[in-house]
PDB file of N, CA and C in Angstrom:
ATOM      1  N   MET A   1     -16.815  -8.950   4.254  1.00  0.00           N
ATOM      2  CA  MET A   1     -15.490  -8.728   4.802  1.00  0.00           C
ATOM      3  C   MET A   1     -14.766  -7.690   3.951  1.00  0.00           C
ATOM      4  N   THR A   2     -14.049  -6.805   4.590  1.00  0.00           N
ATOM      5  CA  THR A   2     -13.324  -5.751   3.896  1.00  0.00           C
ATOM      6  C   THR A   2     -11.986  -6.260   3.377  1.00  0.00           C
ATOM      7  N   HIS A   3     -11.659  -5.833   2.169  1.00  0.00           N
ATOM      8  CA  HIS A   3     -10.354  -6.118   1.562  1.00  0.00           C
ATOM      9  C   HIS A   3      -9.730  -4.782   1.197  1.00  0.00           C
ATOM     10  N   TYR A   4      -8.399  -4.756   1.170  1.00  0.00           N
ATOM     11  CA  TYR A   4      -7.676  -3.508   0.965  1.00  0.00           C
ATOM     12  C   TYR A   4      -6.688  -3.597  -0.188  1.00  0.00           C
ATOM     13  N   VAL A   5      -6.514  -2.463  -0.858  1.00  0.00           N
ATOM     14  CA  VAL A   5      -5.365  -2.230  -1.734  1.00  0.00           C
ATOM     15  C   VAL A   5      -4.526  -1.223  -0.971  1.00  0.00           C
ATOM     16  N   TYR A   6      -3.232  -1.433  -0.923  1.00  0.00           N
ATOM     17  CA  TYR A   6      -2.378  -0.524  -0.167  1.00  0.00           C
ATOM     18  C   TYR A   6      -1.097  -0.238  -0.929  1.00  0.00           C
ATOM     19  N   ILE A   7      -0.502   0.902  -0.580  1.00  0.00           N
ATOM     20  CA  ILE A   7       0.787   1.290  -1.154  1.00  0.00           C
ATOM     21  C   ILE A   7       1.732   1.607  -0.007  1.00  0.00           C
ATOM     22  N   LEU A   8       2.917   1.008  -0.083  1.00  0.00           N
ATOM     23  CA  LEU A   8       3.985   1.263   0.878  1.00  0.00           C
ATOM     24  C   LEU A   8       5.106   1.997   0.169  1.00  0.00           C
ATOM     25  N   ALA A   9       5.911   2.732   0.924  1.00  0.00           N
ATOM     26  CA  ALA A   9       7.090   3.412   0.372  1.00  0.00           C
ATOM     27  C   ALA A   9       8.237   3.320   1.369  1.00  0.00           C
ATOM     28  N   ASN A  10       9.456   3.490   0.854  1.00  0.00           N
ATOM     29  CA  ASN A  10      10.605   3.523   1.761  1.00  0.00           C
ATOM     30  C   ASN A  10      10.983   4.956   2.131  1.00  0.00           C
ATOM     31  N   LYS A  11      10.527   5.934   1.346  1.00  0.00           N
ATOM     32  CA  LYS A  11      10.721   7.360   1.619  1.00  0.00           C
ATOM     33  C   LYS A  11       9.856   8.117   0.612  1.00  0.00           C
ATOM     34  N   PRO A  12       9.586   9.401   0.833  1.00  0.00           N
ATOM     35  CA  PRO A  12       8.806  10.160  -0.147  1.00  0.00           C
ATOM     36  C   PRO A  12       9.453  10.097  -1.531  1.00  0.00           C
ATOM     37  N   LYS A  13       8.651   9.765  -2.505  1.00  0.00           N
ATOM     38  CA  LYS A  13       9.056   9.640  -3.917  1.00  0.00           C
ATOM     39  C   LYS A  13      10.081   8.520  -4.134  1.00  0.00           C
ATOM     40  N   GLY A  14      10.236   7.646  -3.144  1.00  0.00           N
ATOM     41  CA  GLY A  14      11.189   6.541  -3.242  1.00  0.00           C
ATOM     42  C   GLY A  14      10.542   5.301  -3.831  1.00  0.00           C
ATOM     43  N   ALA A  15      11.123   4.159  -3.511  1.00  0.00           N
ATOM     44  CA  ALA A  15      10.602   2.878  -3.980  1.00  0.00           C
ATOM     45  C   ALA A  15       9.234   2.630  -3.346  1.00  0.00           C
ATOM     46  N   ILE A  16       8.306   2.075  -4.130  1.00  0.00           N
ATOM     47  CA  ILE A  16       6.970   1.785  -3.629  1.00  0.00           C
ATOM     48  C   ILE A  16       6.603   0.332  -3.900  1.00  0.00           C
ATOM     49  N   TYR A  17       5.554  -0.101  -3.224  1.00  0.00           N
ATOM     50  CA  TYR A  17       5.008  -1.443  -3.390  1.00  0.00           C
ATOM     51  C   TYR A  17       3.495  -1.331  -3.323  1.00  0.00           C
ATOM     52  N   VAL A  18       2.793  -1.978  -4.251  1.00  0.00           N
ATOM     53  CA  VAL A  18       1.334  -2.007  -4.264  1.00  0.00           C
ATOM     54  C   VAL A  18       0.901  -3.435  -3.976  1.00  0.00           C
ATOM     55  N   GLY A  19      -0.002  -3.609  -3.020  1.00  0.00           N
ATOM     56  CA  GLY A  19      -0.459  -4.952  -2.671  1.00  0.00           C
ATOM     57  C   GLY A  19      -1.905  -4.964  -2.237  1.00  0.00           C
ATOM     58  N   THR A  20      -2.406  -6.164  -1.941  1.00  0.00           N
ATOM     59  CA  THR A  20      -3.759  -6.336  -1.416  1.00  0.00           C
ATOM     60  C   THR A  20      -3.677  -7.149  -0.134  1.00  0.00           C
ATOM     61  N   ALA A  21      -4.669  -6.965   0.721  1.00  0.00           N
ATOM     62  CA  ALA A  21      -4.719  -7.717   1.973  1.00  0.00           C
ATOM     63  C   ALA A  21      -6.143  -7.720   2.507  1.00  0.00           C
ATOM     64  N   ARG A  22      -6.469  -8.773   3.224  1.00  0.00           N
ATOM     65  CA  ARG A  22      -7.744  -8.820   3.924  1.00  0.00           C
ATOM     66  C   ARG A  22      -7.566  -8.242   5.328  1.00  0.00           C
ATOM     67  N   GLU A  23      -6.474  -8.592   5.979  1.00  0.00           N
ATOM     68  CA  GLU A  23      -6.144  -8.076   7.309  1.00  0.00           C
ATOM     69  C   GLU A  23      -4.991  -7.083   7.155  1.00  0.00           C
ATOM     70  N   LEU A  24      -5.319  -5.820   6.913  1.00  0.00           N
ATOM     71  CA  LEU A  24      -4.295  -4.834   6.572  1.00  0.00           C
ATOM     72  C   LEU A  24      -3.307  -4.599   7.712  1.00  0.00           C
ATOM     73  N   ARG A  25      -3.781  -4.486   8.942  1.00  0.00           N
ATOM     74  CA  ARG A  25      -2.861  -4.267  10.072  1.00  0.00           C
ATOM     75  C   ARG A  25      -1.825  -5.393  10.157  1.00  0.00           C
ATOM     76  N   GLU A  26      -2.297  -6.616  10.059  1.00  0.00           N
ATOM     77  CA  GLU A  26      -1.396  -7.771  10.134  1.00  0.00           C
ATOM     78  C   GLU A  26      -0.396  -7.765   8.971  1.00  0.00           C
ATOM     79  N   ARG A  27      -0.872  -7.421   7.796  1.00  0.00           N
ATOM     80  CA  ARG A  27       0.002  -7.411   6.619  1.00  0.00           C
ATOM     81  C   ARG A  27       1.090  -6.342   6.749  1.00  0.00           C
ATOM     82  N   ILE A  28       0.731  -5.173   7.262  1.00  0.00           N
ATOM     83  CA  ILE A  28       1.715  -4.105   7.443  1.00  0.00           C
ATOM     84  C   ILE A  28       2.759  -4.533   8.477  1.00  0.00           C
ATOM     85  N   GLU A  29       2.326  -5.208   9.531  1.00  0.00           N
ATOM     86  CA  GLU A  29       3.265  -5.714  10.527  1.00  0.00           C
ATOM     87  C   GLU A  29       4.255  -6.694   9.893  1.00  0.00           C
ATOM     88  N   GLN A  30       3.770  -7.527   8.982  1.00  0.00           N
ATOM     89  CA  GLN A  30       4.656  -8.462   8.277  1.00  0.00           C
ATOM     90  C   GLN A  30       5.701  -7.699   7.473  1.00  0.00           C
ATOM     91  N   HIS A  31       5.272  -6.674   6.758  1.00  0.00           N
ATOM     92  CA  HIS A  31       6.216  -5.868   5.978  1.00  0.00           C
ATOM     93  C   HIS A  31       7.260  -5.217   6.900  1.00  0.00           C
ATOM     94  N   LYS A  32       6.807  -4.666   8.012  1.00  0.00           N
ATOM     95  CA  LYS A  32       7.727  -3.989   8.937  1.00  0.00           C
ATOM     96  C   LYS A  32       8.724  -4.960   9.555  1.00  0.00           C
ATOM     97  N   ALA A  33       8.347  -6.232   9.634  1.00  0.00           N
ATOM     98  CA  ALA A  33       9.236  -7.266  10.173  1.00  0.00           C
ATOM     99  C   ALA A  33      10.142  -7.853   9.088  1.00  0.00           C
ATOM    100  N   GLY A  34      10.016  -7.335   7.850  1.00  0.00           N
ATOM    101  CA  GLY A  34      10.840  -7.834   6.755  1.00  0.00           C
ATOM    102  C   GLY A  34      10.339  -9.128   6.156  1.00  0.00           C
ATOM    103  N   LYS A  35       9.076  -9.491   6.462  1.00  0.00           N
ATOM    104  CA  LYS A  35       8.508 -10.744   5.980  1.00  0.00           C
ATOM    105  C   LYS A  35       7.355 -10.531   5.002  1.00  0.00           C
ATOM    106  N   GLY A  36       7.221  -9.327   4.476  1.00  0.00           N
ATOM    107  CA  GLY A  36       6.097  -9.021   3.590  1.00  0.00           C
ATOM    108  C   GLY A  36       6.289  -9.552   2.198  1.00  0.00           C
ATOM    109  N   SER A  37       7.419  -9.262   1.587  1.00  0.00           N
ATOM    110  CA  SER A  37       7.747  -9.731   0.249  1.00  0.00           C
ATOM    111  C   SER A  37       9.240  -9.502   0.033  1.00  0.00           C
ATOM    112  N   THR A  38       9.771 -10.161  -0.961  1.00  0.00           N
ATOM    113  CA  THR A  38      11.191  -9.989  -1.277  1.00  0.00           C
ATOM    114  C   THR A  38      11.487  -8.546  -1.654  1.00  0.00           C
ATOM    115  N   HIS A  39      10.619  -7.955  -2.478  1.00  0.00           N
ATOM    116  CA  HIS A  39      10.818  -6.575  -2.942  1.00  0.00           C
ATOM    117  C   HIS A  39      10.823  -5.591  -1.771  1.00  0.00           C
ATOM    118  N   THR A  40       9.845  -5.728  -0.872  1.00  0.00           N
ATOM    119  CA  THR A  40       9.784  -4.771   0.243  1.00  0.00           C
ATOM    120  C   THR A  40      10.953  -4.961   1.204  1.00  0.00           C
ATOM    121  N   ALA A  41      11.369  -6.188   1.410  1.00  0.00           N
ATOM    122  CA  ALA A  41      12.518  -6.433   2.291  1.00  0.00           C
ATOM    123  C   ALA A  41      13.806  -5.886   1.669  1.00  0.00           C
ATOM    124  N   LYS A  42      13.997  -6.120   0.378  1.00  0.00           N
ATOM    125  CA  LYS A  42      15.217  -5.686  -0.309  1.00  0.00           C
ATOM    126  C   LYS A  42      15.389  -4.170  -0.273  1.00  0.00           C
ATOM    127  N   TYR A  43      14.288  -3.437  -0.469  1.00  0.00           N
ATOM    128  CA  TYR A  43      14.352  -1.979  -0.550  1.00  0.00           C
ATOM    129  C   TYR A  43      13.864  -1.279   0.720  1.00  0.00           C
ATOM    130  N   ASN A  44      13.667  -2.046   1.805  1.00  0.00           N
ATOM    131  CA  ASN A  44      13.229  -1.488   3.089  1.00  0.00           C
ATOM    132  C   ASN A  44      11.944  -0.659   2.943  1.00  0.00           C
ATOM    133  N   ILE A  45      10.985  -1.207   2.236  1.00  0.00           N
ATOM    134  CA  ILE A  45       9.705  -0.532   1.986  1.00  0.00           C
ATOM    135  C   ILE A  45       8.736  -0.949   3.087  1.00  0.00           C
ATOM    136  N   GLN A  46       8.477  -0.037   4.036  1.00  0.00           N
ATOM    137  CA  GLN A  46       7.684  -0.380   5.215  1.00  0.00           C
ATOM    138  C   GLN A  46       6.622   0.640   5.592  1.00  0.00           C
ATOM    139  N   THR A  47       6.614   1.798   4.981  1.00  0.00           N
ATOM    140  CA  THR A  47       5.726   2.875   5.403  1.00  0.00           C
ATOM    141  C   THR A  47       4.420   2.842   4.608  1.00  0.00           C
ATOM    142  N   LEU A  48       3.306   2.645   5.306  1.00  0.00           N
ATOM    143  CA  LEU A  48       1.993   2.662   4.666  1.00  0.00           C
ATOM    144  C   LEU A  48       1.646   4.106   4.320  1.00  0.00           C
ATOM    145  N   ILE A  49       1.489   4.385   3.036  1.00  0.00           N
ATOM    146  CA  ILE A  49       1.215   5.763   2.620  1.00  0.00           C
ATOM    147  C   ILE A  49      -0.142   5.935   1.949  1.00  0.00           C
ATOM    148  N   TYR A  50      -0.813   4.797   1.619  1.00  0.00           N
ATOM    149  CA  TYR A  50      -2.095   4.884   0.926  1.00  0.00           C
ATOM    150  C   TYR A  50      -2.823   3.559   1.073  1.00  0.00           C
ATOM    151  N   PHE A  51      -4.153   3.623   1.216  1.00  0.00           N
ATOM    152  CA  PHE A  51      -4.957   2.406   1.120  1.00  0.00           C
ATOM    153  C   PHE A  51      -6.376   2.741   0.705  1.00  0.00           C
ATOM    154  N   GLU A  52      -7.035   1.752   0.114  1.00  0.00           N
ATOM    155  CA  GLU A  52      -8.441   1.825  -0.270  1.00  0.00           C
ATOM    156  C   GLU A  52      -9.129   0.578   0.252  1.00  0.00           C
ATOM    157  N   GLN A  53     -10.416   0.692   0.563  1.00  0.00           N
ATOM    158  CA  GLN A  53     -11.197  -0.437   1.055  1.00  0.00           C
ATOM    159  C   GLN A  53     -12.172  -0.917  -0.018  1.00  0.00           C
ATOM    160  N   PHE A  54     -12.373  -2.237  -0.056  1.00  0.00           N
ATOM    161  CA  PHE A  54     -13.299  -2.851  -0.996  1.00  0.00           C
ATOM    162  C   PHE A  54     -14.112  -3.921  -0.288  1.00  0.00           C
ATOM    163  N   GLY A  55     -15.266  -4.222  -0.827  1.00  0.00           N
ATOM    164  CA  GLY A  55     -16.146  -5.219  -0.239  1.00  0.00           C
ATOM    165  C   GLY A  55     -15.770  -6.647  -0.555  1.00  0.00           C
ATOM    166  N   THR A  56     -15.041  -6.849  -1.645  1.00  0.00           N
ATOM    167  CA  THR A  56     -14.663  -8.204  -2.038  1.00  0.00           C
ATOM    168  C   THR A  56     -13.195  -8.259  -2.444  1.00  0.00           C
ATOM    169  N   ALA A  57     -12.643  -9.466  -2.378  1.00  0.00           N
ATOM    170  CA  ALA A  57     -11.267  -9.676  -2.816  1.00  0.00           C
ATOM    171  C   ALA A  57     -11.136  -9.425  -4.310  1.00  0.00           C
ATOM    172  N   VAL A  58     -12.140  -9.785  -5.070  1.00  0.00           N
ATOM    173  CA  VAL A  58     -12.100  -9.597  -6.524  1.00  0.00           C
ATOM    174  C   VAL A  58     -11.946  -8.121  -6.863  1.00  0.00           C
ATOM    175  N   GLU A  59     -12.706  -7.274  -6.196  1.00  0.00           N
ATOM    176  CA  GLU A  59     -12.609  -5.828  -6.437  1.00  0.00           C
ATOM    177  C   GLU A  59     -11.219  -5.310  -6.073  1.00  0.00           C
ATOM    178  N   ALA A  60     -10.700  -5.750  -4.935  1.00  0.00           N
ATOM    179  CA  ALA A  60      -9.388  -5.284  -4.480  1.00  0.00           C
ATOM    180  C   ALA A  60      -8.290  -5.717  -5.445  1.00  0.00           C
ATOM    181  N   VAL A  61      -8.313  -6.958  -5.879  1.00  0.00           N
ATOM    182  CA  VAL A  61      -7.291  -7.462  -6.802  1.00  0.00           C
ATOM    183  C   VAL A  61      -7.385  -6.744  -8.142  1.00  0.00           C
ATOM    184  N   HIS A  62      -8.597  -6.479  -8.599  1.00  0.00           N
ATOM    185  CA  HIS A  62      -8.777  -5.741  -9.861  1.00  0.00           C
ATOM    186  C   HIS A  62      -8.145  -4.350  -9.758  1.00  0.00           C
ATOM    187  N   ARG A  63      -8.402  -3.659  -8.657  1.00  0.00           N
ATOM    188  CA  ARG A  63      -7.843  -2.315  -8.455  1.00  0.00           C
ATOM    189  C   ARG A  63      -6.317  -2.374  -8.331  1.00  0.00           C
ATOM    190  N   GLU A  64      -5.801  -3.367  -7.614  1.00  0.00           N
ATOM    191  CA  GLU A  64      -4.354  -3.529  -7.474  1.00  0.00           C
ATOM    192  C   GLU A  64      -3.707  -3.686  -8.850  1.00  0.00           C
ATOM    193  N   LYS A  65      -4.254  -4.555  -9.669  1.00  0.00           N
ATOM    194  CA  LYS A  65      -3.685  -4.783 -11.003  1.00  0.00           C
ATOM    195  C   LYS A  65      -3.739  -3.522 -11.850  1.00  0.00           C
ATOM    196  N   LEU A  66      -4.821  -2.768 -11.723  1.00  0.00           N
ATOM    197  CA  LEU A  66      -4.958  -1.511 -12.459  1.00  0.00           C
ATOM    198  C   LEU A  66      -3.871  -0.523 -12.041  1.00  0.00           C
ATOM    199  N   ILE A  67      -3.719  -0.327 -10.729  1.00  0.00           N
ATOM    200  CA  ILE A  67      -2.718   0.622 -10.224  1.00  0.00           C
ATOM    201  C   ILE A  67      -1.313   0.197 -10.631  1.00  0.00           C
ATOM    202  N   LYS A  68      -1.026  -1.094 -10.575  1.00  0.00           N
ATOM    203  CA  LYS A  68       0.310  -1.575 -10.934  1.00  0.00           C
ATOM    204  C   LYS A  68       0.658  -1.262 -12.388  1.00  0.00           C
ATOM    205  N   LYS A  69      -0.341  -1.149 -13.254  1.00  0.00           N
ATOM    206  CA  LYS A  69      -0.102  -0.843 -14.671  1.00  0.00           C
ATOM    207  C   LYS A  69       0.123   0.651 -14.921  1.00  0.00           C
ATOM    208  N   TRP A  70      -0.230   1.480 -13.951  1.00  0.00           N
ATOM    209  CA  TRP A  70      -0.113   2.927 -14.118  1.00  0.00           C
ATOM    210  C   TRP A  70       1.336   3.375 -14.206  1.00  0.00           C
ATOM    211  N   ARG A  71       1.518   4.516 -14.865  1.00  0.00           N
ATOM    212  CA  ARG A  71       2.829   5.188 -14.847  1.00  0.00           C
ATOM    213  C   ARG A  71       3.103   5.670 -13.424  1.00  0.00           C
ATOM    214  N   ARG A  72       4.370   5.795 -13.102  1.00  0.00           N
ATOM    215  CA  ARG A  72       4.750   6.186 -11.741  1.00  0.00           C
ATOM    216  C   ARG A  72       4.160   7.540 -11.349  1.00  0.00           C
ATOM    217  N   GLU A  73       4.142   8.483 -12.268  1.00  0.00           N
ATOM    218  CA  GLU A  73       3.625   9.805 -11.899  1.00  0.00           C
ATOM    219  C   GLU A  73       2.146   9.734 -11.519  1.00  0.00           C
ATOM    220  N   TRP A  74       1.378   8.832 -12.123  1.00  0.00           N
ATOM    221  CA  TRP A  74      -0.034   8.679 -11.765  1.00  0.00           C
ATOM    222  C   TRP A  74      -0.164   8.101 -10.353  1.00  0.00           C
ATOM    223  N   LYS A  75       0.704   7.152 -10.012  1.00  0.00           N
ATOM    224  CA  LYS A  75       0.685   6.587  -8.660  1.00  0.00           C
ATOM    225  C   LYS A  75       1.019   7.671  -7.643  1.00  0.00           C
ATOM    226  N   ASP A  76       2.035   8.479  -7.941  1.00  0.00           N
ATOM    227  CA  ASP A  76       2.416   9.567  -7.035  1.00  0.00           C
ATOM    228  C   ASP A  76       1.260  10.551  -6.853  1.00  0.00           C
ATOM    229  N   GLU A  77       0.548  10.875  -7.928  1.00  0.00           N
ATOM    230  CA  GLU A  77      -0.597  11.787  -7.842  1.00  0.00           C
ATOM    231  C   GLU A  77      -1.702  11.187  -6.974  1.00  0.00           C
ATOM    232  N   LEU A  78      -1.966   9.894  -7.119  1.00  0.00           N
ATOM    233  CA  LEU A  78      -2.978   9.213  -6.307  1.00  0.00           C
ATOM    234  C   LEU A  78      -2.623   9.332  -4.828  1.00  0.00           C
ATOM    235  N   ILE A  79      -1.384   9.052  -4.506  1.00  0.00           N
ATOM    236  CA  ILE A  79      -0.911   9.130  -3.124  1.00  0.00           C
ATOM    237  C   ILE A  79      -1.028  10.557  -2.599  1.00  0.00           C
ATOM    238  N   GLU A  80      -0.544  11.515  -3.359  1.00  0.00           N
ATOM    239  CA  GLU A  80      -0.454  12.902  -2.885  1.00  0.00           C
ATOM    240  C   GLU A  80      -1.807  13.592  -2.760  1.00  0.00           C
ATOM    241  N   LYS A  81      -2.848  13.065  -3.415  1.00  0.00           N
ATOM    242  CA  LYS A  81      -4.185  13.636  -3.237  1.00  0.00           C
ATOM    243  C   LYS A  81      -4.666  13.469  -1.803  1.00  0.00           C
ATOM    244  N   VAL A  82      -4.293  12.360  -1.168  1.00  0.00           N
ATOM    245  CA  VAL A  82      -4.757  12.098   0.204  1.00  0.00           C
ATOM    246  C   VAL A  82      -3.639  12.165   1.235  1.00  0.00           C
ATOM    247  N   ASN A  83      -2.392  12.111   0.784  1.00  0.00           N
ATOM    248  CA  ASN A  83      -1.270  12.081   1.717  1.00  0.00           C
ATOM    249  C   ASN A  83      -0.072  12.830   1.112  1.00  0.00           C
ATOM    250  N   PRO A  84      -0.174  14.145   0.997  1.00  0.00           N
ATOM    251  CA  PRO A  84       0.872  14.915   0.327  1.00  0.00           C
ATOM    252  C   PRO A  84       2.247  14.852   1.004  1.00  0.00           C
ATOM    253  N   GLU A  85       2.278  14.552   2.305  1.00  0.00           N
ATOM    254  CA  GLU A  85       3.561  14.467   3.010  1.00  0.00           C
ATOM    255  C   GLU A  85       4.147  13.055   2.983  1.00  0.00           C
ATOM    256  N   TRP A  86       3.429  12.102   2.414  1.00  0.00           N
ATOM    257  CA  TRP A  86       3.852  10.693   2.383  1.00  0.00           C
ATOM    258  C   TRP A  86       4.102  10.178   3.797  1.00  0.00           C
ATOM    259  N   ARG A  87       3.261  10.598   4.744  1.00  0.00           N
ATOM    260  CA  ARG A  87       3.430  10.177   6.137  1.00  0.00           C
ATOM    261  C   ARG A  87       2.880   8.762   6.324  1.00  0.00           C
ATOM    262  N   ASP A  88       3.307   8.118   7.377  1.00  0.00           N
ATOM    263  CA  ASP A  88       2.829   6.781   7.710  1.00  0.00           C
ATOM    264  C   ASP A  88       1.390   6.899   8.205  1.00  0.00           C
ATOM    265  N   ILE A  89       0.475   6.212   7.544  1.00  0.00           N
ATOM    266  CA  ILE A  89      -0.945   6.293   7.913  1.00  0.00           C
ATOM    267  C   ILE A  89      -1.445   4.991   8.533  1.00  0.00           C
ATOM    268  N   SER A  90      -0.537   4.203   9.070  1.00  0.00           N
ATOM    269  CA  SER A  90      -0.924   2.927   9.700  1.00  0.00           C
ATOM    270  C   SER A  90      -1.982   3.130  10.791  1.00  0.00           C
ATOM    271  N   ALA A  91      -1.894   4.231  11.518  1.00  0.00           N
ATOM    272  CA  ALA A  91      -2.856   4.501  12.578  1.00  0.00           C
ATOM    273  C   ALA A  91      -4.256   4.775  12.040  1.00  0.00           C
ATOM    274  N   ASP A  92      -4.378   5.043  10.760  1.00  0.00           N
ATOM    275  CA  ASP A  92      -5.675   5.354  10.146  1.00  0.00           C
ATOM    276  C   ASP A  92      -6.428   4.105   9.669  1.00  0.00           C
ATOM    277  N   ILE A  93      -5.821   2.942   9.794  1.00  0.00           N
ATOM    278  CA  ILE A  93      -6.492   1.712   9.373  1.00  0.00           C
ATOM    279  C   ILE A  93      -7.674   1.471  10.290  1.00  0.00           C
ATOM    280  N   PRO A  94      -8.880   1.292   9.718  1.00  0.00           N
ATOM    281  CA  PRO A  94     -10.054   1.057  10.563  1.00  0.00           C
ATOM    282  C   PRO A  94      -9.979  -0.298  11.286  1.00  0.00           C
ATOM    283  N   TYR A  95     -10.610  -0.370  12.448  1.00  0.00           N
ATOM    284  CA  TYR A  95     -10.654  -1.634  13.191  1.00  0.00           C
ATOM    285  C   TYR A  95     -11.781  -2.503  12.722  1.00  0.00           C
TER     286      TYR A  95
END
């Protein structure tokens, strides 16, 4: 089963959130409905701007924890390598 690490933002270079999910589409819908987390609801963080796929939950959680420890500029560089416009990539989630 595929597991994901994802990054959401409220605007380019704005507030971000890093999380993990097994069902990424469902999780993004929760965030957009304001039910994802307190942090995302408080700062209106709903735009999927980055994700990675992993084969196990352990791998995904390990990567999430690693990214969360990074300096902000490193997170921005990671995002901008694949999504320089910080556009919503929800449509790119595989089925």
